[in-house]
Amino acid sequence: MASNRHLGRIIVLQSLYEYEFRKKAGDPTAEIDIIVAKNIEPYAKALGDTEFVYQLARDVSGRFEELDAELQPMAPEWPISTIAAIDRNVLRIGLHELERSAETVPPKVAINEAVELAKAFGSDNSSKFINGVLGTAYRKIYNDDTTSLKENHHEEEAQPTEPEKASANNDDKIADPASSSSDEATAGSAAA
């Protein structure tokens, strides 16, 4: 079973995806708190700490432009707007947690959680791309050029393939957060 925070991040990802989609479609009724409330309802008992979900969704949605501007130089071959919406939102969550949550979420746990979200909801190579971009962010934020982020040493900046860019059509994979499996060992089983 997914940890409470892992389940919370799944709900945040689902909510950010819907929020961004509705905003781009010109929906004036798109409000992140209402979207989160709808998505959190079936999982509120299992989740426990719903404030974590609301706060993370509010914080990330309020920083879309800022986060995108910070992410762009880390993946220069891929304009942020052309990256699949799932991957874009996973990157936003990961970067936000790296920058603003280090006291409560260890940086490597934030990266691992983002990689697990990408494995569960992104395309085949999304996790490598997410790991590469957030690894670059980690090294920039913490001035660390030597640390290996994963056991499999994905230190190079991963570049998505053409099918990943096109996977925006496949972004409907977020369906049931409870059905997502998490590799607790990789995700840092201590509830982040």
Protein backbone atom coordinates (compact mmCIF):
# COMPACT_ATOMS: atom_id res chain seq x y z
CA MET A 1 0.00 0.00 0.00
CA ALA A 2 1.24 3.47 -0.84
CA SER A 3 2.38 5.65 2.03
CA ASN A 4 0.11 8.50 3.03
CA ARG A 5 2.38 11.12 1.49
CA HIS A 6 2.83 9.06 -1.68
CA LEU A 7 -0.95 8.78 -2.05
CA GLY A 8 -1.14 12.51 -1.35
CA ARG A 9 1.30 13.26 -4.19
CA ILE A 10 -0.76 11.10 -6.54
CA ILE A 11 -3.84 13.17 -5.68
CA VAL A 12 -1.83 16.39 -6.13
CA LEU A 13 -0.64 15.21 -9.56
CA GLN A 14 -4.18 14.33 -10.61
CA SER A 15 -5.45 17.69 -9.35
CA LEU A 16 -2.70 19.74 -11.01
CA TYR A 17 -3.29 17.93 -14.29
CA GLU A 18 -7.02 18.73 -14.18
CA TYR A 19 -6.42 22.31 -13.04
CA GLU A 20 -3.92 23.01 -15.81
CA PHE A 21 -6.17 21.39 -18.44
CA ARG A 22 -9.21 23.38 -17.36
CA LYS A 23 -7.26 26.67 -17.17
CA LYS A 24 -5.87 26.15 -20.68
CA ALA A 25 -9.38 25.40 -21.90
CA GLY A 26 -10.52 28.77 -20.49
CA ASP A 27 -12.65 27.37 -17.66
CA PRO A 28 -13.18 30.29 -15.26
CA THR A 29 -14.49 27.92 -12.55
CA ALA A 30 -11.20 26.01 -12.22
CA GLU A 31 -10.11 26.41 -8.60
CA ILE A 32 -7.39 24.20 -7.18
CA ASP A 33 -9.03 23.74 -3.76
CA ILE A 34 -12.30 22.57 -5.31
CA ILE A 35 -10.49 20.18 -7.62
CA VAL A 36 -8.41 18.78 -4.74
CA ALA A 37 -11.53 18.37 -2.57
CA LYS A 38 -13.21 16.33 -5.31
CA ASN A 39 -10.13 14.16 -5.90
CA ILE A 40 -9.31 13.66 -2.23
CA GLU A 41 -12.80 12.65 -1.11
CA PRO A 42 -12.58 8.90 -1.87
CA TYR A 43 -9.20 8.65 -0.12
CA ALA A 44 -9.58 11.02 2.84
CA LYS A 45 -9.67 8.23 5.46
CA ALA A 46 -6.64 6.40 4.04
CA LEU A 47 -4.79 9.65 3.56
CA GLY A 48 -5.15 11.14 7.00
CA ASP A 49 -3.17 14.38 6.55
CA THR A 50 -5.21 16.14 3.88
CA GLU A 51 -3.58 19.51 4.60
CA PHE A 52 -0.34 18.23 3.01
CA VAL A 53 -2.26 17.60 -0.23
CA TYR A 54 -4.05 20.95 -0.25
CA GLN A 55 -0.88 22.90 0.58
CA LEU A 56 1.29 21.15 -2.02
CA ALA A 57 -1.38 21.61 -4.72
CA ARG A 58 -1.83 25.30 -3.83
CA ASP A 59 1.89 25.97 -3.70
CA VAL A 60 2.71 24.26 -7.00
CA SER A 61 -0.29 25.65 -8.90
CA GLY A 62 0.62 29.15 -7.72
CA ARG A 63 4.14 28.74 -9.11
CA PHE A 64 3.49 27.20 -12.56
CA GLU A 65 5.21 29.99 -14.50
CA GLU A 66 8.09 30.34 -12.04
CA LEU A 67 8.73 26.58 -11.91
CA ASP A 68 8.50 26.27 -15.70
CA ALA A 69 11.05 29.07 -16.12
CA GLU A 70 13.42 27.30 -13.72
CA LEU A 71 12.93 23.91 -15.38
CA GLN A 72 13.48 25.09 -18.96
CA PRO A 73 17.29 25.46 -18.76
CA MET A 74 17.50 21.99 -17.22
CA ALA A 75 15.90 20.41 -20.30
CA PRO A 76 16.95 22.87 -23.04
CA GLU A 77 16.09 20.57 -25.95
CA TRP A 78 12.46 20.32 -24.85
CA PRO A 79 10.32 23.42 -24.37
CA ILE A 80 8.27 22.91 -21.23
CA SER A 81 5.05 23.45 -23.18
CA THR A 82 5.85 20.45 -25.42
CA ILE A 83 6.55 18.04 -22.57
CA ALA A 84 3.62 15.76 -21.76
CA ALA A 85 1.35 17.35 -19.15
CA ILE A 86 1.90 14.49 -16.72
CA ASP A 87 5.69 14.84 -16.92
CA ARG A 88 5.47 18.63 -16.67
CA ASN A 89 3.41 18.41 -13.47
CA VAL A 90 5.64 15.71 -11.96
CA LEU A 91 8.63 17.98 -12.63
CA ARG A 92 6.84 20.92 -11.02
CA ILE A 93 6.01 18.91 -7.89
CA GLY A 94 9.56 17.55 -7.65
CA LEU A 95 11.25 20.91 -8.16
CA HIS A 96 8.93 22.62 -5.69
CA GLU A 97 9.68 20.00 -3.04
CA LEU A 98 13.42 20.25 -3.71
CA GLU A 99 13.34 24.02 -3.29
CA ARG A 100 10.78 24.56 -0.56
CA SER A 101 10.33 21.35 1.43
CA ALA A 102 13.85 20.22 2.29
CA GLU A 103 13.15 20.50 6.03
CA THR A 104 10.27 18.00 5.87
CA VAL A 105 11.10 16.03 2.71
CA PRO A 106 14.73 15.04 2.16
CA PRO A 107 15.81 16.11 -1.34
CA LYS A 108 16.55 12.60 -2.55
CA VAL A 109 13.16 11.41 -1.32
CA ALA A 110 11.53 14.24 -3.31
CA ILE A 111 13.37 13.07 -6.43
CA ASN A 112 12.54 9.42 -5.82
CA GLU A 113 8.87 10.24 -5.25
CA ALA A 114 8.77 12.17 -8.54
CA VAL A 115 10.44 9.24 -10.33
CA GLU A 116 7.85 6.85 -8.86
CA LEU A 117 5.01 9.13 -10.07
CA ALA A 118 6.58 9.16 -13.53
CA LYS A 119 6.88 5.37 -13.53
CA ALA A 120 3.23 5.00 -12.54
CA PHE A 121 1.66 7.65 -14.77
CA GLY A 122 4.16 8.74 -17.42
CA SER A 123 5.37 7.11 -20.60
CA ASP A 124 8.05 4.42 -20.76
CA ASN A 125 11.00 6.83 -20.51
CA SER A 126 9.41 9.47 -18.29
CA SER A 127 11.09 8.26 -15.12
CA LYS A 128 14.56 8.59 -16.68
CA PHE A 129 13.75 12.06 -17.97
CA ILE A 130 12.32 13.17 -14.60
CA ASN A 131 15.34 11.73 -12.76
CA GLY A 132 17.76 13.51 -15.09
CA VAL A 133 16.08 16.90 -14.87
CA LEU A 134 15.55 16.78 -11.11
CA GLY A 135 19.09 15.45 -10.65
CA THR A 136 20.31 18.56 -12.44
CA ALA A 137 18.07 20.70 -10.22
CA TYR A 138 19.43 18.97 -7.11
CA ARG A 139 23.02 19.65 -8.15
CA LYS A 140 22.22 23.31 -8.88
CA ILE A 141 20.28 23.89 -5.66
CA TYR A 142 22.71 22.06 -3.39
CA ASN A 143 25.94 22.74 -5.34
CA ASP A 144 26.61 19.02 -5.53
CA ASP A 145 28.37 17.77 -8.66
CA THR A 146 29.40 14.39 -7.31
CA THR A 147 26.36 12.81 -5.69
CA SER A 148 24.73 9.86 -7.40
CA LEU A 149 20.97 10.19 -7.06
CA LYS A 150 19.94 6.63 -7.82
CA GLU A 151 21.53 3.23 -7.47
CA ASN A 152 21.46 2.86 -11.26
CA HIS A 153 23.43 6.11 -11.74
CA HIS A 154 21.14 8.08 -14.07
CA GLU A 155 23.31 11.14 -13.64
CA GLU A 156 23.16 12.41 -17.19
CA GLU A 157 20.36 14.72 -18.20
CA ALA A 158 17.82 12.39 -19.72
CA GLN A 159 16.19 13.57 -22.91
CA PRO A 160 12.67 12.42 -23.78
CA THR A 161 12.15 10.68 -27.06
CA GLU A 162 9.67 11.87 -29.67
CA PRO A 163 7.03 9.42 -28.36
CA GLU A 164 7.34 11.00 -24.91
CA LYS A 165 6.58 14.42 -26.31
CA ALA A 166 3.62 12.91 -28.10
CA SER A 167 2.51 11.12 -24.95
CA ALA A 168 0.49 14.20 -24.08
CA ASN A 169 -2.26 12.27 -25.84
CA ASN A 170 -1.72 9.51 -23.30
CA ASP A 171 -2.07 11.75 -20.24
CA ASP A 172 -5.37 10.21 -19.24
CA LYS A 173 -3.49 7.55 -17.26
CA ILE A 174 -4.40 9.16 -13.94
CA ALA A 175 -7.50 7.25 -13.05
CA ASP A 176 -7.37 5.66 -9.61
CA PRO A 177 -4.67 6.80 -7.19
CA ALA A 178 -5.30 3.82 -4.92
CA SER A 179 -4.42 1.38 -7.71
CA SER A 180 -0.91 2.84 -8.08
CA SER A 181 1.88 0.69 -6.74
CA SER A 182 4.92 2.22 -5.17
CA ASP A 183 8.34 0.75 -4.72
CA GLU A 184 8.59 1.80 -1.11
CA ALA A 185 12.30 1.03 -0.94
CA THR A 186 13.03 3.36 -3.82
CA ALA A 187 10.54 5.99 -2.76
CA GLY A 188 12.08 6.30 0.67
CA SER A 189 9.59 4.34 2.74
CA ALA A 190 9.81 6.78 5.60
CA ALA A 191 6.70 8.84 4.94
CA ALA A 192 8.18 11.87 3.24
